[in-house]
Amino acid sequence: MLRHEFQPGRLVTGAFLTLAGVIYAGDAGGAWETPWFVVIPVVVAGMCLAGAVALVTRGIRRRRRVGRRGGGSAATPTQAEREASR
C-alpha cells in the first residue's frame, strides 16, 4: 500500500458529509423528520471548518519545512565571509 501524507482538512470534510448522509438516512428510514434545508448549514459549516483546518495544516508544514533547512546554510555566505572575500 502506498503511503501518502495525512490531510486533516479532507478528514473534516468527510466527517461532515457523512453526518449529512446520516441525517438524510435517518429521515428516509423514518427515525426522524428532517426538513430539506437543514443539511445545507451542516455542509457549509463543514466546508468552512475544513478550509480553516487545511490552512492551519499548510502553515504548520511550511514552518516545519523552513525550520529543517536552517537559517544559515553552507551555500549562502555569512556577512563575515563576504567581508573577508573583499
Protein backbone atom coordinates (compact mmCIF):
# COMPACT_ATOMS: atom_id res chain seq x y z
CA MET A 1 0.00 0.00 0.00
CA LEU A 2 1.37 3.38 -0.97
CA ARG A 3 1.85 5.89 1.80
CA HIS A 4 0.54 9.41 1.50
CA GLU A 5 0.61 12.43 3.73
CA PHE A 6 -2.23 12.89 6.19
CA GLN A 7 -4.62 15.70 5.24
CA PRO A 8 -6.83 16.72 8.17
CA GLY A 9 -8.93 19.07 6.03
CA ARG A 10 -10.17 16.16 3.96
CA LEU A 11 -10.91 14.21 7.13
CA VAL A 12 -13.11 17.05 8.42
CA THR A 13 -14.86 17.31 5.04
CA GLY A 14 -15.57 13.59 5.05
CA ALA A 15 -16.90 13.68 8.59
CA PHE A 16 -19.37 16.48 7.84
CA LEU A 17 -20.53 14.90 4.58
CA THR A 18 -21.01 11.62 6.43
CA LEU A 19 -23.06 13.49 9.03
CA ALA A 20 -25.22 14.93 6.23
CA GLY A 21 -25.71 11.41 4.87
CA VAL A 22 -26.70 10.13 8.31
CA ILE A 23 -29.23 12.96 8.66
CA TYR A 24 -30.83 12.08 5.33
CA ALA A 25 -30.68 8.34 6.04
CA GLY A 26 -32.44 8.83 9.35
CA ASP A 27 -35.11 10.85 7.60
CA ALA A 28 -35.52 8.24 4.87
CA GLY A 29 -35.66 5.42 7.42
CA GLY A 30 -38.38 7.17 9.41
CA ALA A 31 -36.30 7.66 12.54
CA TRP A 32 -36.95 11.42 12.47
CA GLU A 33 -38.37 14.13 10.25
CA THR A 34 -35.75 16.41 8.65
CA PRO A 35 -36.58 19.47 6.53
CA TRP A 36 -34.60 19.58 3.28
CA PHE A 37 -32.78 22.81 4.17
CA VAL A 38 -31.23 21.51 7.42
CA VAL A 39 -28.32 19.82 5.67
CA ILE A 40 -27.19 22.98 3.86
CA PRO A 41 -25.74 24.68 7.00
CA VAL A 42 -24.14 21.40 8.07
CA VAL A 43 -22.32 21.02 4.75
CA VAL A 44 -21.36 24.71 4.51
CA ALA A 45 -20.05 24.77 8.10
CA GLY A 46 -18.10 21.58 7.41
CA MET A 47 -16.51 23.04 4.30
CA CYS A 48 -15.56 26.26 6.09
CA LEU A 49 -14.08 24.34 9.00
CA ALA A 50 -12.20 22.04 6.62
CA GLY A 51 -10.75 25.05 4.80
CA ALA A 52 -9.57 26.56 8.07
CA VAL A 53 -8.02 23.26 9.15
CA ALA A 54 -6.27 22.92 5.77
CA LEU A 55 -4.83 26.45 6.07
CA VAL A 56 -3.53 25.77 9.57
CA THR A 57 -2.04 22.46 8.44
CA ARG A 58 -0.33 24.15 5.49
CA GLY A 59 1.12 26.84 7.74
CA ILE A 60 2.45 24.28 10.20
CA ARG A 61 4.01 22.16 7.48
CA ARG A 62 5.56 25.17 5.79
CA ARG A 63 7.05 26.37 9.08
CA ARG A 64 8.47 22.92 9.82
CA ARG A 65 9.96 22.66 6.33
CA VAL A 66 11.70 26.02 6.69
CA GLY A 67 12.92 25.04 10.16
CA ARG A 68 14.57 21.88 8.83
CA ARG A 69 16.59 23.81 6.27
CA GLY A 70 18.00 26.03 8.94
CA GLY A 71 18.62 29.74 8.88
CA GLY A 72 22.18 29.75 7.55
CA SER A 73 23.10 27.07 5.09
CA ALA A 74 26.57 26.34 3.81
CA ALA A 75 25.67 27.55 0.34
CA THR A 76 24.96 31.14 1.40
CA PRO A 77 27.96 33.09 2.72
CA THR A 78 27.67 34.90 6.03
CA GLN A 79 28.38 38.61 6.44
CA ALA A 80 31.86 37.89 7.80
CA GLU A 81 32.71 35.64 4.82
CA ARG A 82 31.57 38.30 2.36
CA GLU A 83 33.72 40.96 4.04
CA ALA A 84 36.72 38.64 4.15
CA SER A 85 36.50 37.95 0.42
CA ARG A 86 36.72 41.67 -0.47
